[in-house]
Amino acid sequence: MINLKPEVVAQLERVLGSVEMLLPRAVKPVDWSTCHAANWRRHSFSGYLEPVKVTDTTTLDELLGVENQKEIMVSNTRQFLKGMPANNALLWGSRGTGKSSLVKALLNKFAPEGLRVIQVEKEDLIYLSEIFSAVENEPYRFILLCDDLTFEIGELSYKMLKSALDGSVYSAPENVLIYVTSNRRHLLPEYESDKIGGKFVNGELQQSEAMEEKVSLSDRFGLWIAFHVFSQDRYLDAVRLCVEREARKRKLEIPWTKDLEIDAIQWSHEKSKRCGRTAFQFSKNWVGRYLLNSCA
């Protein structure tokens, strides 16, 4: 038996403690039979899948003003679940118009048929190959969701996603599709100077090299789904639905009045946008005040 000096033992303990902090966290594999969603959590040089309890109960019927978008995404997701050809999708457009809510509603609808969702932050896209390896042999179908995604040219995560979509060595297994939401159509900032350098070839205007690079990522998505702000009538329909849902949770009936409508319109003016998120936020405010006044 080797007798070590106390200071050497203390030093070894410090080294082992530091190494332990770098090692991946010991976690149980996700039980996908009961877990419908997970987040990828980074730890040191790797990461792990962390189960998430799905609390968002949004249904497809509750999403107003996006009927065409719903139809396309429902069809694509159903094809995917049945093992038929399906596309990766980029859901882009104005903030608060239902992009993320549509993906959540798809999970709520198709989870009983084997759909699962893994949410990944932009910085963690460098671990795509590890995420794919973790689920490629599972008997479920996975949507890898990158929410509210935007890049700067040259980011490593940008290159990794580009490679995964392009079918290179980092390509997704057949049981994984990639759905991305973004406020930017091409996922990158665009500048007036990007248009400089275009030229005519055989009578057709070709984009500049800067623009070619900026569309090269979005081009790799088979589906581009655009989301736009609501008309006033559609916004008021969304407000009515949200108020009814908030009231139903509390077993109330809140009448639709002219004052409610006027307040909803004023709220949208202050928020500078008519969209589902604005309608939802207004309903929280209106129903909360209604309940407060009822208790007075």
Protein backbone atom coordinates (compact mmCIF):
# COMPACT_ATOMS: atom_id res chain seq x y z
CA MET A 1 0.00 0.00 0.00
CA ILE A 2 1.41 3.37 -1.03
CA ASN A 3 1.39 6.08 1.60
CA LEU A 4 0.81 9.45 0.00
CA LYS A 5 1.52 12.75 1.63
CA PRO A 6 -1.63 14.63 2.73
CA GLU A 7 -0.91 17.49 0.32
CA VAL A 8 -0.69 15.02 -2.60
CA VAL A 9 -4.00 13.43 -1.59
CA ALA A 10 -5.61 16.87 -1.41
CA GLN A 11 -4.24 17.75 -4.86
CA LEU A 12 -5.57 14.49 -6.37
CA GLU A 13 -8.98 15.18 -4.86
CA ARG A 14 -9.02 18.62 -6.47
CA VAL A 15 -8.05 17.14 -9.85
CA LEU A 16 -10.72 14.43 -9.64
CA GLY A 17 -13.30 17.01 -8.62
CA SER A 18 -12.44 19.16 -11.64
CA VAL A 19 -12.60 16.18 -14.01
CA GLU A 20 -15.97 15.15 -12.58
CA MET A 21 -17.37 18.59 -13.37
CA LEU A 22 -16.37 18.13 -17.02
CA LEU A 23 -17.98 14.71 -17.39
CA PRO A 24 -21.51 14.45 -18.85
CA ARG A 25 -24.25 14.35 -16.26
CA ALA A 26 -25.42 10.84 -15.45
CA VAL A 27 -29.09 10.77 -16.51
CA LYS A 28 -31.57 8.06 -17.34
CA PRO A 29 -32.51 7.59 -21.00
CA VAL A 30 -35.71 9.40 -21.93
CA ASP A 31 -38.75 7.14 -21.72
CA TRP A 32 -40.39 8.20 -24.98
CA SER A 33 -43.42 6.00 -24.30
CA THR A 34 -44.54 8.51 -21.67
CA CYS A 35 -42.49 11.59 -22.60
CA HIS A 36 -43.60 13.51 -25.68
CA ALA A 37 -40.94 16.25 -25.69
CA ALA A 38 -37.38 16.90 -24.55
CA ASN A 39 -34.76 19.63 -24.57
CA TRP A 40 -31.12 19.13 -25.43
CA ARG A 41 -29.07 20.35 -22.47
CA ARG A 42 -25.43 21.16 -23.02
CA HIS A 43 -22.91 19.96 -20.44
CA SER A 44 -19.20 20.53 -20.88
CA PHE A 45 -18.10 18.84 -24.11
CA SER A 46 -21.39 17.05 -24.75
CA GLY A 47 -24.96 17.10 -23.50
CA TYR A 48 -28.06 15.06 -22.78
CA LEU A 49 -31.77 14.93 -23.50
CA GLU A 50 -33.90 16.27 -20.66
CA PRO A 51 -37.58 15.23 -20.57
CA VAL A 52 -40.09 18.06 -20.67
CA LYS A 53 -43.65 17.92 -19.41
CA VAL A 54 -45.88 19.28 -22.16
CA THR A 55 -48.20 21.86 -20.61
CA ASP A 56 -49.26 23.73 -23.74
CA THR A 57 -52.69 22.42 -24.75
CA THR A 58 -53.04 24.42 -27.97
CA THR A 59 -55.05 22.59 -30.62
CA LEU A 60 -55.06 23.12 -34.36
CA ASP A 61 -58.67 24.33 -34.23
CA GLU A 62 -57.66 27.13 -31.89
CA LEU A 63 -55.18 28.60 -34.38
CA LEU A 64 -57.00 31.18 -36.46
CA GLY A 65 -55.88 32.94 -39.62
CA VAL A 66 -53.37 30.24 -40.60
CA GLU A 67 -55.62 27.70 -42.32
CA ASN A 68 -53.36 27.21 -45.34
CA GLN A 69 -50.27 26.91 -43.13
CA LYS A 70 -52.01 24.31 -40.96
CA GLU A 71 -53.07 22.28 -43.98
CA ILE A 72 -49.52 22.13 -45.36
CA MET A 73 -47.90 21.27 -42.05
CA VAL A 74 -50.50 18.69 -41.05
CA SER A 75 -50.09 16.93 -44.39
CA ASN A 76 -46.27 17.00 -44.21
CA THR A 77 -46.26 15.71 -40.63
CA ARG A 78 -48.77 12.96 -41.39
CA GLN A 79 -46.63 11.84 -44.35
CA PHE A 80 -43.63 11.73 -42.05
CA LEU A 81 -45.45 9.65 -39.43
CA LYS A 82 -46.51 7.12 -42.05
CA GLY A 83 -42.95 6.70 -43.32
CA MET A 84 -43.68 8.53 -46.57
CA PRO A 85 -41.47 11.22 -48.12
CA ALA A 86 -41.70 14.50 -46.18
CA ASN A 87 -39.79 17.78 -46.05
CA ASN A 88 -37.90 19.78 -43.48
CA ALA A 89 -39.79 23.03 -42.93
CA LEU A 90 -38.96 26.69 -42.32
CA LEU A 91 -41.83 28.60 -40.70
CA TRP A 92 -41.01 32.26 -41.10
CA GLY A 93 -42.73 35.59 -40.71
CA SER A 94 -43.90 38.27 -38.35
CA ARG A 95 -43.49 37.65 -34.63
CA GLY A 96 -46.46 36.34 -32.67
CA THR A 97 -48.35 35.01 -35.69
CA GLY A 98 -48.49 31.36 -34.63
CA LYS A 99 -45.34 29.70 -35.92
CA SER A 100 -44.30 28.05 -32.65
CA SER A 101 -47.92 27.44 -31.63
CA LEU A 102 -48.49 25.47 -34.82
CA VAL A 103 -45.63 23.08 -34.01
CA LYS A 104 -46.95 22.63 -30.46
CA ALA A 105 -50.43 21.94 -31.82
CA LEU A 106 -48.99 19.34 -34.20
CA LEU A 107 -47.40 17.57 -31.24
CA ASN A 108 -50.68 17.63 -29.30
CA LYS A 109 -52.49 16.14 -32.28
CA PHE A 110 -49.99 13.51 -33.36
CA ALA A 111 -48.29 12.44 -30.10
CA PRO A 112 -50.68 9.46 -29.80
CA GLU A 113 -49.46 8.36 -33.24
CA GLY A 114 -45.80 8.41 -32.18
CA LEU A 115 -44.71 11.99 -32.85
CA ARG A 116 -42.12 13.42 -30.46
CA VAL A 117 -40.37 16.82 -30.33
CA ILE A 118 -36.81 17.69 -29.36
CA GLN A 119 -36.12 21.40 -28.92
CA VAL A 120 -32.57 22.56 -29.58
CA GLU A 121 -31.10 26.02 -29.02
CA LYS A 122 -29.04 27.59 -31.78
CA GLU A 123 -25.78 27.26 -29.84
CA ASP A 124 -26.38 23.51 -29.43
CA LEU A 125 -26.78 22.73 -33.13
CA ILE A 126 -23.11 21.76 -33.06
CA TYR A 127 -24.30 18.60 -31.26
CA LEU A 128 -26.67 17.54 -34.02
CA SER A 129 -24.83 14.30 -34.72
CA GLU A 130 -25.06 13.31 -31.03
CA ILE A 131 -28.77 14.14 -30.92
CA PHE A 132 -29.40 12.09 -34.04
CA SER A 133 -27.47 9.14 -32.57
CA ALA A 134 -29.56 9.33 -29.38
CA VAL A 135 -32.87 8.79 -31.21
CA GLU A 136 -32.15 7.09 -34.54
CA ASN A 137 -32.99 3.62 -33.20
CA GLU A 138 -36.12 4.68 -31.31
CA PRO A 139 -39.49 3.45 -32.66
CA TYR A 140 -40.84 7.03 -32.77
CA ARG A 141 -40.80 9.92 -35.20
CA PHE A 142 -39.02 13.07 -34.04
CA ILE A 143 -39.37 16.72 -34.95
CA LEU A 144 -36.16 18.55 -34.13
CA LEU A 145 -37.40 22.07 -33.38
CA CYS A 146 -35.20 25.17 -33.49
CA ASP A 147 -37.42 28.01 -32.33
CA ASP A 148 -36.92 31.69 -33.17
CA LEU A 149 -33.71 30.95 -35.07
CA THR A 150 -31.45 33.57 -36.60
CA PHE A 151 -27.78 33.49 -37.57
CA GLU A 152 -24.80 35.59 -38.45
CA ILE A 153 -22.74 34.32 -41.38
CA GLY A 154 -19.82 32.17 -40.29
CA GLU A 155 -21.33 30.76 -37.09
CA LEU A 156 -20.42 27.12 -36.56
CA SER A 157 -24.01 26.17 -35.73
CA TYR A 158 -25.05 27.69 -39.09
CA LYS A 159 -22.65 25.39 -40.91
CA MET A 160 -23.80 22.35 -38.92
CA LEU A 161 -27.47 22.93 -39.72
CA LYS A 162 -26.61 23.54 -43.35
CA SER A 163 -24.76 20.22 -43.49
CA ALA A 164 -27.61 18.36 -41.79
CA LEU A 165 -30.16 19.74 -44.25
CA ASP A 166 -27.86 19.04 -47.19
CA GLY A 167 -27.68 15.31 -46.47
CA SER A 168 -23.97 15.25 -45.68
CA VAL A 169 -22.24 13.23 -42.97
CA TYR A 170 -24.38 15.05 -40.40
CA SER A 171 -27.69 14.29 -42.14
CA ALA A 172 -30.69 13.38 -40.02
CA PRO A 173 -31.80 9.73 -39.71
CA GLU A 174 -35.02 8.75 -41.46
CA ASN A 175 -37.06 9.15 -38.25
CA VAL A 176 -36.09 12.82 -37.75
CA LEU A 177 -37.38 15.96 -39.49
CA ILE A 178 -36.16 19.50 -38.81
CA TYR A 179 -38.72 22.27 -38.25
CA VAL A 180 -37.38 25.81 -37.76
CA THR A 181 -39.23 29.01 -36.86
CA SER A 182 -37.75 32.42 -37.58
CA ASN A 183 -38.69 36.04 -38.12
CA ARG A 184 -36.27 36.07 -41.07
CA ARG A 185 -37.06 34.39 -44.35
CA HIS A 186 -33.43 33.50 -44.99
CA LEU A 187 -32.43 33.16 -41.30
CA LEU A 188 -29.77 35.83 -41.79
CA PRO A 189 -29.78 39.65 -41.66
CA GLU A 190 -30.06 41.27 -45.08
CA TYR A 191 -28.47 44.56 -46.09
CA GLU A 192 -28.84 46.89 -49.05
CA SER A 193 -25.21 46.18 -49.96
CA ASP A 194 -26.05 42.48 -50.45
CA LYS A 195 -27.69 43.37 -53.76
CA ILE A 196 -24.51 44.88 -55.13
CA GLY A 197 -22.71 42.55 -57.50
CA GLY A 198 -25.70 41.07 -59.31
CA LYS A 199 -25.27 40.57 -63.04
CA PHE A 200 -27.23 39.61 -66.09
CA VAL A 201 -26.55 36.19 -67.59
CA ASN A 202 -28.36 35.29 -70.82
CA GLY A 203 -30.79 38.10 -70.14
CA GLU A 204 -31.60 37.03 -66.59
CA LEU A 205 -30.51 38.86 -63.44
CA GLN A 206 -28.36 36.62 -61.23
CA GLN A 207 -28.10 37.33 -57.52
CA SER A 208 -24.87 38.63 -56.01
CA GLU A 209 -22.58 36.19 -54.23
CA ALA A 210 -23.63 37.72 -50.89
CA MET A 211 -27.29 37.00 -51.56
CA GLU A 212 -26.51 33.55 -52.92
CA GLU A 213 -24.83 32.68 -49.63
CA LYS A 214 -27.70 34.08 -47.59
CA VAL A 215 -30.37 32.05 -49.37
CA SER A 216 -28.25 28.89 -49.48
CA LEU A 217 -29.45 27.77 -46.04
CA SER A 218 -33.15 28.52 -46.43
CA ASP A 219 -33.09 26.86 -49.86
CA ARG A 220 -32.31 23.57 -48.14
CA PHE A 221 -35.73 23.50 -46.49
CA GLY A 222 -38.27 21.74 -48.66
CA LEU A 223 -41.11 23.85 -47.24
CA TRP A 224 -41.21 27.60 -46.70
CA ILE A 225 -44.32 28.52 -44.72
CA ALA A 226 -45.03 32.26 -44.43
CA PHE A 227 -46.96 33.84 -41.54
CA HIS A 228 -48.39 37.37 -41.68
CA VAL A 229 -50.22 39.79 -39.40
CA PHE A 230 -54.03 39.51 -39.10
CA SER A 231 -56.73 41.69 -40.52
CA GLN A 232 -58.75 43.46 -37.81
CA ASP A 233 -61.69 41.08 -38.18
CA ARG A 234 -59.42 38.04 -37.90
CA TYR A 235 -57.70 39.58 -34.89
CA LEU A 236 -61.05 40.10 -33.15
CA ASP A 237 -61.97 36.47 -33.91
CA ALA A 238 -58.74 35.44 -32.17
CA VAL A 239 -59.52 37.70 -29.20
CA ARG A 240 -62.99 36.16 -28.86
CA LEU A 241 -61.52 32.66 -28.91
CA CYS A 242 -58.85 33.51 -26.33
CA VAL A 243 -61.32 35.20 -23.98
CA GLU A 244 -63.69 32.23 -24.24
CA ARG A 245 -60.83 29.82 -23.49
CA GLU A 246 -59.66 31.80 -20.46
CA ALA A 247 -63.23 32.01 -19.18
CA ARG A 248 -63.88 28.31 -19.77
CA LYS A 249 -60.85 27.40 -17.66
CA ARG A 250 -62.54 29.18 -14.77
CA LYS A 251 -66.05 27.95 -15.58
CA LEU A 252 -67.21 31.44 -16.45
CA GLU A 253 -69.18 33.04 -19.24
CA ILE A 254 -67.86 36.46 -20.21
CA PRO A 255 -70.15 38.33 -22.62
CA TRP A 256 -68.75 39.86 -25.79
CA THR A 257 -69.45 43.59 -25.54
CA LYS A 258 -68.67 46.70 -27.52
CA ASP A 259 -66.37 47.87 -24.72
CA LEU A 260 -64.45 44.60 -24.94
CA GLU A 261 -64.06 45.00 -28.71
CA ILE A 262 -62.92 48.62 -28.44
CA ASP A 263 -60.40 47.72 -25.74
CA ALA A 264 -59.08 44.84 -27.85
CA ILE A 265 -58.54 47.13 -30.84
CA GLN A 266 -56.84 49.75 -28.67
CA TRP A 267 -54.60 47.06 -27.19
CA SER A 268 -53.48 46.00 -30.69
CA HIS A 269 -52.67 49.63 -31.54
CA GLU A 270 -50.50 49.94 -28.44
CA LYS A 271 -48.73 46.69 -29.28
CA SER A 272 -48.41 47.81 -32.92
CA LYS A 273 -49.47 44.39 -34.15
CA ARG A 274 -52.60 42.33 -34.78
CA CYS A 275 -51.65 38.70 -34.22
CA GLY A 276 -52.44 35.66 -32.10
CA ARG A 277 -49.94 36.61 -29.41
CA THR A 278 -51.47 40.07 -29.02
CA ALA A 279 -54.93 38.51 -28.77
CA PHE A 280 -53.74 36.05 -26.14
CA GLN A 281 -52.07 38.77 -24.06
CA PHE A 282 -55.17 40.97 -24.24
CA SER A 283 -57.41 38.10 -23.13
CA LYS A 284 -55.21 37.57 -20.05
CA ASN A 285 -55.52 41.24 -19.18
CA TRP A 286 -59.28 41.48 -19.83
CA VAL A 287 -60.28 38.29 -18.03
CA GLY A 288 -57.99 39.13 -15.11
CA ARG A 289 -59.57 42.57 -14.70
CA TYR A 290 -63.06 41.06 -15.10
CA LEU A 291 -62.37 38.63 -12.27
CA LEU A 292 -60.84 41.34 -10.08
CA ASN A 293 -63.88 43.59 -10.54
CA SER A 294 -66.20 40.67 -9.81
CA CYS A 295 -64.50 40.17 -6.43
CA ALA A 296 -64.75 43.85 -5.50
